[in-house]
C-alpha cells in the first residue's frame, strides 16, 4: 500500500506555564514550574492542596458570555488551542475541502467540572430533578471535537478518544492513520483536560497518586528523583494540525516536523500501575520506530511519560534500556511534567508539541527538580535541571494511562 506522508503544520497550547506555544516553549527552556496552591476551589481540607493550574485565562476573551456558559472548561481549552493551531498553520477555510478535514480530540475525564457541579446541586436540592439543559452536552467527552467541527465547518472524521493519560496520543495516532491512508487532507487533533476540581484532586489523592509537598509546590513534581512522592495534577490543552505532505506543499505551508509512526500497546497487568519491567512501554516504542521505517539507533530524544510516581519512574527507564541497549546512553530523555504537572488526557498533546519544538530547535528542555539520584533508576541522560543543546533528528514522545494503555509517537526532522 502506498501510504501518504504526514507533516505537522500548526501547533497550539494552553498550559500551566504558558497560554500559547511561544510562552510554553520559553518557559520549558527556562525550567519554569507551573505548580502552586490550588485556587480553583478551597482545598484546605484536602491531603493534596497543590496543582498546576493555567494562569490568566478568561473565557470571555475567547467566547461571548452566553456561549461560555454552555461549555465546560475542557471544551473551552480545546477550542482555544485549536484556534491557535489553525491560525499558526495558515489554514484558509475557503481554500480547503471541509469534507476532507477531520477533528479527533482526546480527553481522559471530559466535562468533570460540569458533572460535579450539577450532581452537587441535585443533591443539595433534596433531589429535585432540576438540571441544566446543557448538562449532557457540557460533560460528554466527545463534545470538544464536535464543537470544533461546528465552529469551523469541518465535515471529515470527527470523534474523541479516551485512554486515560494516553488519550491525546491515541487521537493523534488515529488522525495520522486517516491521513496516511488518503482518507483526509487535514486533521485537527490533540487533547484537553480540566480536572483540577474537588473530585479530581480528591479521587487521585485517595489513590495516593498525588504529591503532598504542599509547602513547596514548585519542586513537588520530581520525575526520576529519589524523593518523588507522586504527580502534580495539571490542566490545559494542546493541538496539532496534521496534514498530508503534498497538500501542505501545494498551499505553501510551513512544516514543523514529520509524524512518521505510532506505536500502541497494552500492559495487560494492572488498573493503575505500569508493568514493572516496562513491557508495554517497550512494545509501544519499538512499534513506533518500526512504523517509521527507522532503526532504534536513529532515536536522539525521548520525551518520557515521567510522571514523578514511585513505580512508573522506574519502569519506563527500564523499558528504554531493555529496548535500546547500549544506544540508550546516547539518547537524551526528559520529562516536561516536572514543569507542567500531569495534564492527564491532554498531557500527550502538549508533550508532542514539546517534542516537535525540540526537533525544530535542536534543544531538549530540562527535567527540573532533580536533587538526588535514585539507585533504582537506570543512570540515563535525563537532561536534569538544564536544557540540552544537541542535534535532534528523530524523537519519540511517550504516554501511558491507567488501564495499561501505552502510546508512542515518532517525529522526524523534515
Protein backbone atom coordinates (compact mmCIF):
# COMPACT_ATOMS: atom_id res chain seq x y z
CA UNK A 1 0.00 0.00 0.00
CA UNK A 2 1.28 3.45 -0.92
CA UNK A 3 0.99 5.30 2.37
CA UNK A 4 0.94 9.10 2.36
CA UNK A 5 3.46 11.13 4.34
CA UNK A 6 2.10 13.24 7.20
CA UNK A 7 3.53 16.53 8.46
CA UNK A 8 2.79 18.95 11.29
CA UNK A 9 1.86 22.42 10.04
CA UNK A 10 0.25 24.05 13.10
CA UNK A 11 0.57 23.98 16.89
CA UNK A 12 -1.47 25.32 19.81
CA UNK A 13 -1.11 25.04 23.59
CA UNK A 14 -2.73 26.25 26.78
CA UNK A 15 -0.65 25.09 29.74
CA UNK A 16 0.22 25.87 33.36
CA UNK A 17 3.45 27.51 32.12
CA UNK A 18 2.17 29.44 29.13
CA UNK A 19 -1.06 30.22 27.31
CA UNK A 20 0.33 29.80 23.80
CA UNK A 21 3.14 27.86 22.14
CA UNK A 22 5.70 30.66 22.33
CA UNK A 23 5.15 31.15 26.07
CA UNK A 24 5.08 27.40 26.69
CA UNK A 25 8.35 26.78 24.87
CA UNK A 26 10.09 29.73 26.52
CA UNK A 27 9.03 28.51 29.97
CA UNK A 28 10.19 24.97 29.20
CA UNK A 29 13.65 26.18 28.28
CA UNK A 30 13.83 28.37 31.39
CA UNK A 31 12.74 25.50 33.65
CA UNK A 32 9.65 27.27 34.98
CA UNK A 33 7.36 25.34 37.32
CA UNK A 34 3.61 25.76 36.86
CA UNK A 35 2.70 24.26 40.24
CA UNK A 36 1.26 26.23 43.13
CA UNK A 37 -1.51 26.28 45.74
CA UNK A 38 -4.93 25.39 44.34
CA UNK A 39 -7.03 28.48 43.61
CA UNK A 40 -9.97 26.94 41.73
CA UNK A 41 -11.62 25.85 44.99
CA UNK A 42 -10.96 25.76 48.73
CA UNK A 43 -8.59 22.82 49.14
CA UNK A 44 -7.69 23.47 52.78
CA UNK A 45 -9.23 20.20 53.93
CA UNK A 46 -7.55 18.10 51.25
CA UNK A 47 -4.44 16.00 51.70
CA UNK A 48 -3.10 17.44 48.45
CA UNK A 49 -3.54 21.20 48.20
CA UNK A 50 -1.40 21.95 45.14
CA UNK A 51 -1.88 21.70 41.39
CA UNK A 52 -0.53 23.07 38.11
CA UNK A 53 -3.33 25.41 37.06
CA UNK A 54 -3.41 27.57 33.94
CA UNK A 55 -2.97 31.25 34.71
CA UNK A 56 -4.72 34.35 33.44
CA UNK A 57 -7.25 32.52 31.32
CA UNK A 58 -10.50 34.43 30.83
CA UNK A 59 -13.02 32.52 28.70
CA UNK A 60 -14.77 35.77 27.86
CA UNK A 61 -11.69 36.79 25.86
CA UNK A 62 -12.47 33.88 23.54
CA UNK A 63 -16.24 33.35 23.80
CA UNK A 64 -19.17 35.61 24.47
CA UNK A 65 -20.53 35.19 27.99
CA UNK A 66 -23.64 33.27 26.87
CA UNK A 67 -21.61 30.81 24.81
CA UNK A 68 -19.03 30.32 27.56
CA UNK A 69 -21.75 29.18 29.99
CA UNK A 70 -22.63 26.36 27.59
CA UNK A 71 -19.07 25.00 27.52
CA UNK A 72 -17.19 23.09 30.19
CA UNK A 73 -13.62 24.36 30.71
CA UNK A 74 -12.17 21.30 28.98
CA UNK A 75 -14.07 22.23 25.81
CA UNK A 76 -13.09 25.88 26.15
CA UNK A 77 -9.43 24.91 26.45
CA UNK A 78 -9.62 22.62 23.43
CA UNK A 79 -11.30 25.21 21.23
CA UNK A 80 -8.78 27.89 22.20
CA UNK A 81 -5.73 25.77 21.32
CA UNK A 82 -7.28 24.64 18.05
CA UNK A 83 -7.85 28.27 17.11
CA UNK A 84 -4.15 28.96 17.74
CA UNK A 85 -3.07 25.89 15.76
CA UNK A 86 -5.28 26.72 12.77
CA UNK A 87 -4.01 30.30 12.68
CA UNK A 88 -0.45 29.02 13.03
CA UNK A 89 -0.99 26.63 10.10
CA UNK A 90 -2.42 29.42 7.95
CA UNK A 91 -5.42 27.30 7.04
CA UNK A 92 -7.83 29.17 4.78
CA UNK A 93 -11.29 27.62 5.12
CA UNK A 94 -12.21 28.88 1.68
CA UNK A 95 -9.23 27.12 0.06
CA UNK A 96 -9.63 23.65 1.58
CA UNK A 97 -12.30 20.99 1.19
CA UNK A 98 -14.18 20.83 4.53
CA UNK A 99 -15.33 17.29 3.74
CA UNK A 100 -11.68 16.21 3.93
CA UNK A 101 -10.80 17.97 7.19
CA UNK A 102 -11.44 15.98 10.36
CA UNK A 103 -11.21 16.51 14.11
CA UNK A 104 -10.13 13.84 16.60
CA UNK A 105 -9.56 15.08 20.13
CA UNK A 106 -8.71 13.13 23.27
CA UNK A 107 -9.76 13.56 26.89
CA UNK A 108 -9.45 11.38 29.93
CA UNK A 109 -12.23 12.81 32.09
CA UNK A 110 -14.26 15.12 29.85
CA UNK A 111 -16.53 17.73 31.46
CA UNK A 112 -15.88 16.63 35.03
CA UNK A 113 -16.32 20.14 36.50
CA UNK A 114 -19.79 20.49 34.97
CA UNK A 115 -20.74 16.96 36.00
CA UNK A 116 -19.69 17.55 39.59
CA UNK A 117 -21.46 20.91 39.76
CA UNK A 118 -24.77 19.52 38.50
CA UNK A 119 -24.69 16.50 40.81
CA UNK A 120 -23.85 18.62 43.86
CA UNK A 121 -26.73 20.98 43.01
CA UNK A 122 -29.05 18.00 42.58
CA UNK A 123 -28.03 16.52 45.95
CA UNK A 124 -28.41 19.86 47.72
CA UNK A 125 -31.90 20.42 46.31
CA UNK A 126 -33.36 17.38 48.10
CA UNK A 127 -33.00 15.57 44.79
CA UNK A 128 -35.45 17.77 42.90
CA UNK A 129 -34.63 16.96 39.26
CA UNK A 130 -33.63 20.40 38.01
CA UNK A 131 -30.73 20.09 35.61
CA UNK A 132 -29.24 22.48 33.10
CA UNK A 133 -30.38 21.78 29.53
CA UNK A 134 -26.65 21.86 28.68
CA UNK A 135 -25.69 19.32 31.36
CA UNK A 136 -25.14 16.46 28.93
CA UNK A 137 -23.58 18.50 26.13
CA UNK A 138 -21.12 20.06 28.60
CA UNK A 139 -19.98 16.78 30.11
CA UNK A 140 -19.73 14.17 27.35
CA UNK A 141 -16.16 13.53 26.26
CA UNK A 142 -16.78 13.82 22.52
CA UNK A 143 -18.22 17.32 22.70
CA UNK A 144 -14.92 19.15 22.28
CA UNK A 145 -14.35 17.52 18.89
CA UNK A 146 -17.95 18.23 17.98
CA UNK A 147 -17.79 21.89 18.97
CA UNK A 148 -14.58 22.37 16.98
CA UNK A 149 -16.12 20.89 13.84
CA UNK A 150 -19.25 23.03 14.25
CA UNK A 151 -17.22 26.22 14.68
CA UNK A 152 -15.09 25.69 11.58
CA UNK A 153 -17.45 23.63 9.42
CA UNK A 154 -15.08 20.66 9.17
CA UNK A 155 -17.08 17.65 7.98
CA UNK A 156 -14.44 14.92 7.93
CA UNK A 157 -13.94 12.19 10.59
CA UNK A 158 -15.00 13.52 13.99
CA UNK A 159 -14.81 11.86 17.40
CA UNK A 160 -12.93 11.69 20.67
CA UNK A 161 -10.54 9.14 22.12
CA UNK A 162 -10.36 8.16 25.78
CA UNK A 163 -7.44 6.14 27.12
CA UNK A 164 -6.75 7.96 30.40
CA UNK A 165 -3.36 9.70 30.18
CA UNK A 166 -2.71 8.26 26.71
CA UNK A 167 -5.88 9.84 25.27
CA UNK A 168 -4.24 12.59 23.20
CA UNK A 169 -1.61 10.37 21.53
CA UNK A 170 -4.38 7.90 20.69
CA UNK A 171 -6.21 10.76 18.96
CA UNK A 172 -3.05 11.80 17.15
CA UNK A 173 -2.49 8.19 16.08
CA UNK A 174 -5.99 7.94 14.62
CA UNK A 175 -5.63 11.27 12.81
CA UNK A 176 -2.30 10.10 11.40
CA UNK A 177 -3.90 6.90 10.08
CA UNK A 178 -6.68 8.75 8.23
CA UNK A 179 -4.09 10.94 6.51
CA UNK A 180 -1.61 8.27 5.57
CA UNK A 181 -4.43 6.17 4.11
CA UNK A 182 -5.57 9.11 1.98
CA UNK A 183 -8.95 9.41 3.71
CA UNK A 184 -8.41 13.07 4.65
CA UNK A 185 -6.24 16.04 3.68
CA UNK A 186 -6.03 17.76 7.07
CA UNK A 187 -6.72 16.53 10.61
CA UNK A 188 -7.07 18.67 13.71
CA UNK A 189 -6.02 16.63 16.74
CA UNK A 190 -4.78 16.79 20.31
CA UNK A 191 -6.29 16.63 23.77
CA UNK A 192 -7.86 18.70 26.54
CA UNK A 193 -8.41 18.28 30.28
CA UNK A 194 -9.80 20.36 33.15
CA UNK A 195 -9.77 18.09 36.19
CA UNK A 196 -8.43 20.41 38.90
CA UNK A 197 -11.75 20.17 40.75
CA UNK A 198 -12.64 18.69 44.14
CA UNK A 199 -13.46 15.22 42.84
CA UNK A 200 -10.36 15.17 40.65
CA UNK A 201 -7.98 16.15 43.44
CA UNK A 202 -9.83 14.01 45.97
CA UNK A 203 -10.01 10.96 43.74
CA UNK A 204 -6.36 10.90 42.73
CA UNK A 205 -5.29 11.82 46.25
CA UNK A 206 -7.06 8.87 47.86
CA UNK A 207 -5.23 6.63 45.37
CA UNK A 208 -2.01 8.10 46.83
CA UNK A 209 -1.09 9.20 43.32
CA UNK A 210 -0.54 12.91 44.07
CA UNK A 211 2.38 14.69 45.66
CA UNK A 212 1.66 16.12 49.09
CA UNK A 213 4.60 18.53 49.08
CA UNK A 214 2.14 21.32 49.84
CA UNK A 215 4.71 23.65 51.40
CA UNK A 216 6.97 23.57 48.33
CA UNK A 217 4.74 23.16 45.26
CA UNK A 218 7.28 24.42 42.71
CA UNK A 219 9.54 21.43 43.47
CA UNK A 220 6.77 18.90 44.04
CA UNK A 221 6.93 17.31 40.59
CA UNK A 222 10.23 15.42 40.69
CA UNK A 223 10.41 12.87 37.88
CA UNK A 224 13.18 10.30 38.37
CA UNK A 225 14.28 11.86 41.68
CA UNK A 226 14.78 9.61 44.70
CA UNK A 227 12.38 11.66 46.83
CA UNK A 228 9.47 11.87 44.37
CA UNK A 229 6.13 11.28 46.08
CA UNK A 230 3.54 11.44 43.29
CA UNK A 231 2.46 13.65 40.43
CA UNK A 232 1.08 17.19 40.44
CA UNK A 233 -2.30 17.39 38.72
CA UNK A 234 -2.34 19.83 35.82
CA UNK A 235 -4.84 21.19 33.31
CA UNK A 236 -4.89 22.62 29.82
CA UNK A 237 -4.84 21.50 26.19
CA UNK A 238 -2.68 21.00 23.14
CA UNK A 239 -3.49 20.83 19.43
CA UNK A 240 -1.70 19.80 16.26
CA UNK A 241 -2.65 20.43 12.65
CA UNK A 242 -1.60 17.30 10.76
CA UNK A 243 -1.57 17.44 7.00
CA UNK A 244 -0.85 15.15 4.08
CA UNK A 245 2.54 16.25 2.77
CA UNK A 246 1.57 17.05 -0.83
CA UNK A 247 -1.48 19.00 0.37
CA UNK A 248 0.74 21.04 2.68
CA UNK A 249 3.30 21.69 -0.05
CA UNK A 250 0.62 22.71 -2.55
CA UNK A 251 -0.57 25.52 -0.31
CA UNK A 252 2.94 26.57 0.72
CA UNK A 253 2.51 25.66 4.39
CA UNK A 254 5.41 25.83 6.82
CA UNK A 255 6.31 22.42 8.18
CA UNK A 256 7.47 21.86 11.76
CA UNK A 257 8.27 18.16 11.50
CA UNK A 258 7.07 14.90 10.02
CA UNK A 259 4.99 12.43 12.01
CA UNK A 260 6.45 9.14 10.86
CA UNK A 261 4.98 6.47 13.11
CA UNK A 262 2.92 5.47 16.11
CA UNK A 263 3.08 2.54 18.47
CA UNK A 264 0.20 1.38 20.66
CA UNK A 265 0.21 -1.41 23.23
CA UNK A 266 -1.32 -2.65 26.47
CA UNK A 267 0.41 -3.73 29.66
CA UNK A 268 -2.35 -6.25 30.45
CA UNK A 269 -1.07 -6.02 34.00
CA UNK A 270 -2.82 -3.64 36.45
CA UNK A 271 -5.53 -0.96 36.51
CA UNK A 272 -3.22 1.79 37.76
CA UNK A 273 0.39 0.56 37.94
CA UNK A 274 2.69 0.22 34.95
CA UNK A 275 4.28 -3.12 34.13
CA UNK A 276 7.31 -3.38 36.47
CA UNK A 277 9.66 -4.22 33.61
CA UNK A 278 8.11 -1.65 31.27
CA UNK A 279 6.98 -4.32 28.83
CA UNK A 280 4.09 -2.31 27.33
CA UNK A 281 6.20 0.85 27.10
CA UNK A 282 8.95 -1.08 25.34
CA UNK A 283 6.49 -2.55 22.83
CA UNK A 284 4.97 0.86 22.07
CA UNK A 285 8.37 2.46 21.42
CA UNK A 286 9.53 -0.47 19.29
CA UNK A 287 6.37 -0.34 17.19
CA UNK A 288 6.65 3.43 16.68
CA UNK A 289 10.22 3.13 15.43
CA UNK A 290 9.32 0.19 13.16
CA UNK A 291 6.29 2.06 11.82
CA UNK A 292 8.61 4.94 10.93
CA UNK A 293 10.91 2.70 8.91
CA UNK A 294 13.76 3.79 11.17
CA UNK A 295 16.29 1.97 13.33
CA UNK A 296 16.47 2.04 17.13
CA UNK A 297 19.91 3.65 16.81
CA UNK A 298 18.30 6.61 14.99
CA UNK A 299 16.49 7.82 18.11
CA UNK A 300 18.02 11.01 19.51
CA UNK A 301 15.47 12.08 22.11
CA UNK A 302 12.58 10.67 24.13
CA UNK A 303 10.02 12.88 25.86
CA UNK A 304 9.16 10.41 28.61
CA UNK A 305 5.86 9.89 30.37
CA UNK A 306 7.83 10.66 33.55
CA UNK A 307 5.06 11.49 36.00
CA UNK A 308 7.03 11.59 39.28
CA UNK A 309 5.38 8.46 40.69
CA UNK A 310 7.41 5.89 42.66
CA UNK A 311 6.76 2.92 40.35
CA UNK A 312 6.26 4.44 36.90
CA UNK A 313 9.52 6.37 37.00
CA UNK A 314 11.43 3.11 37.44
CA UNK A 315 9.68 1.02 34.79
CA UNK A 316 9.97 3.48 31.88
CA UNK A 317 13.79 3.81 32.03
CA UNK A 318 13.94 0.01 32.34
CA UNK A 319 12.00 -0.19 29.09
CA UNK A 320 14.42 2.22 27.41
CA UNK A 321 17.46 0.20 28.49
CA UNK A 322 15.85 -3.11 27.53
CA UNK A 323 14.84 -1.88 24.08
CA UNK A 324 17.78 0.29 23.05
CA UNK A 325 20.66 -1.49 24.76
CA UNK A 326 23.93 0.45 24.51
CA UNK A 327 22.26 3.15 22.40
CA UNK A 328 20.15 4.13 25.43
CA UNK A 329 23.14 6.08 26.74
CA UNK A 330 23.17 8.19 23.57
CA UNK A 331 19.53 9.26 23.88
CA UNK A 332 18.58 12.47 25.68
CA UNK A 333 15.46 11.92 27.76
CA UNK A 334 13.39 14.46 29.64
CA UNK A 335 10.10 14.92 31.47
CA UNK A 336 8.20 18.12 30.79
CA UNK A 337 5.80 17.10 33.58
CA UNK A 338 8.46 18.33 36.00
CA UNK A 339 7.29 21.79 34.91
CA UNK A 340 3.71 21.42 33.69
CA UNK A 341 2.45 18.81 36.11
CA UNK A 342 0.38 15.98 34.69
CA UNK A 343 -2.39 17.10 32.33
CA UNK A 344 -3.92 13.60 32.16
CA UNK A 345 -5.69 13.22 28.80
CA UNK A 346 -4.05 16.40 27.47
CA UNK A 347 -0.51 15.54 28.61
CA UNK A 348 0.46 13.69 25.44
CA UNK A 349 -0.68 16.63 23.30
CA UNK A 350 1.47 19.30 24.92
CA UNK A 351 4.35 16.82 25.14
CA UNK A 352 4.04 16.12 21.42
CA UNK A 353 4.32 19.88 20.87
CA UNK A 354 7.41 19.99 23.11
CA UNK A 355 8.96 17.09 21.17
CA UNK A 356 8.28 18.80 17.84
CA UNK A 357 9.83 22.03 19.11
CA UNK A 358 12.87 20.11 20.34
CA UNK A 359 13.34 18.76 16.80
CA UNK A 360 12.79 22.17 15.23
CA UNK A 361 15.22 23.97 17.54
CA UNK A 362 17.70 21.19 18.38
CA UNK A 363 17.17 21.77 22.10
CA UNK A 364 15.82 19.30 24.66
CA UNK A 365 14.11 21.10 27.58
CA UNK A 366 15.22 20.13 31.08
CA UNK A 367 13.79 17.80 33.67
CA UNK A 368 13.72 20.18 36.62
CA UNK A 369 13.61 19.44 40.35
CA UNK A 370 16.27 16.77 40.35
CA UNK A 371 18.09 16.73 43.67
CA UNK A 372 19.01 13.13 44.46
CA UNK A 373 19.75 10.18 42.18
CA UNK A 374 17.61 7.10 42.65
CA UNK A 375 19.75 3.92 42.57
CA UNK A 376 16.72 2.01 41.26
CA UNK A 377 16.56 4.13 38.10
CA UNK A 378 18.88 3.45 35.19
CA UNK A 379 21.53 6.22 35.00
CA UNK A 380 20.49 7.68 31.66
CA UNK A 381 20.74 11.24 30.34
CA UNK A 382 17.55 12.87 31.65
CA UNK A 383 18.64 16.43 30.87
CA UNK A 384 18.43 17.19 34.57
CA UNK A 385 17.94 20.83 35.59
CA UNK A 386 19.16 22.43 32.35
CA UNK A 387 18.32 22.17 28.65
CA UNK A 388 20.49 20.07 26.38
CA UNK A 389 21.64 21.57 23.09
CA UNK A 390 22.07 18.75 20.59
CA UNK A 391 21.03 17.68 17.12
CA UNK A 392 17.56 16.11 17.27
CA UNK A 393 16.60 14.42 14.01
CA UNK A 394 14.32 11.67 15.29
CA UNK A 395 12.41 11.69 18.57
CA UNK A 396 9.75 9.79 20.47
CA UNK A 397 7.01 11.02 22.79
CA UNK A 398 5.61 8.53 25.32
CA UNK A 399 2.27 8.48 27.13
CA UNK A 400 0.86 5.76 29.38
CA UNK A 401 -2.57 5.62 31.01
CA UNK A 402 -4.47 3.90 33.81
CA UNK A 403 -5.76 0.61 32.47
CA UNK A 404 -2.38 -0.19 30.95
CA UNK A 405 -2.75 1.89 27.76
CA UNK A 406 0.54 2.83 26.08
CA UNK A 407 1.16 5.14 23.14
CA UNK A 408 4.35 6.35 21.49
CA UNK A 409 4.55 8.98 18.73
CA UNK A 410 7.58 9.23 16.45
CA UNK A 411 8.57 12.54 14.84
CA UNK A 412 11.37 13.29 12.40
CA UNK A 413 13.03 16.49 11.24
CA UNK A 414 11.57 17.45 7.85
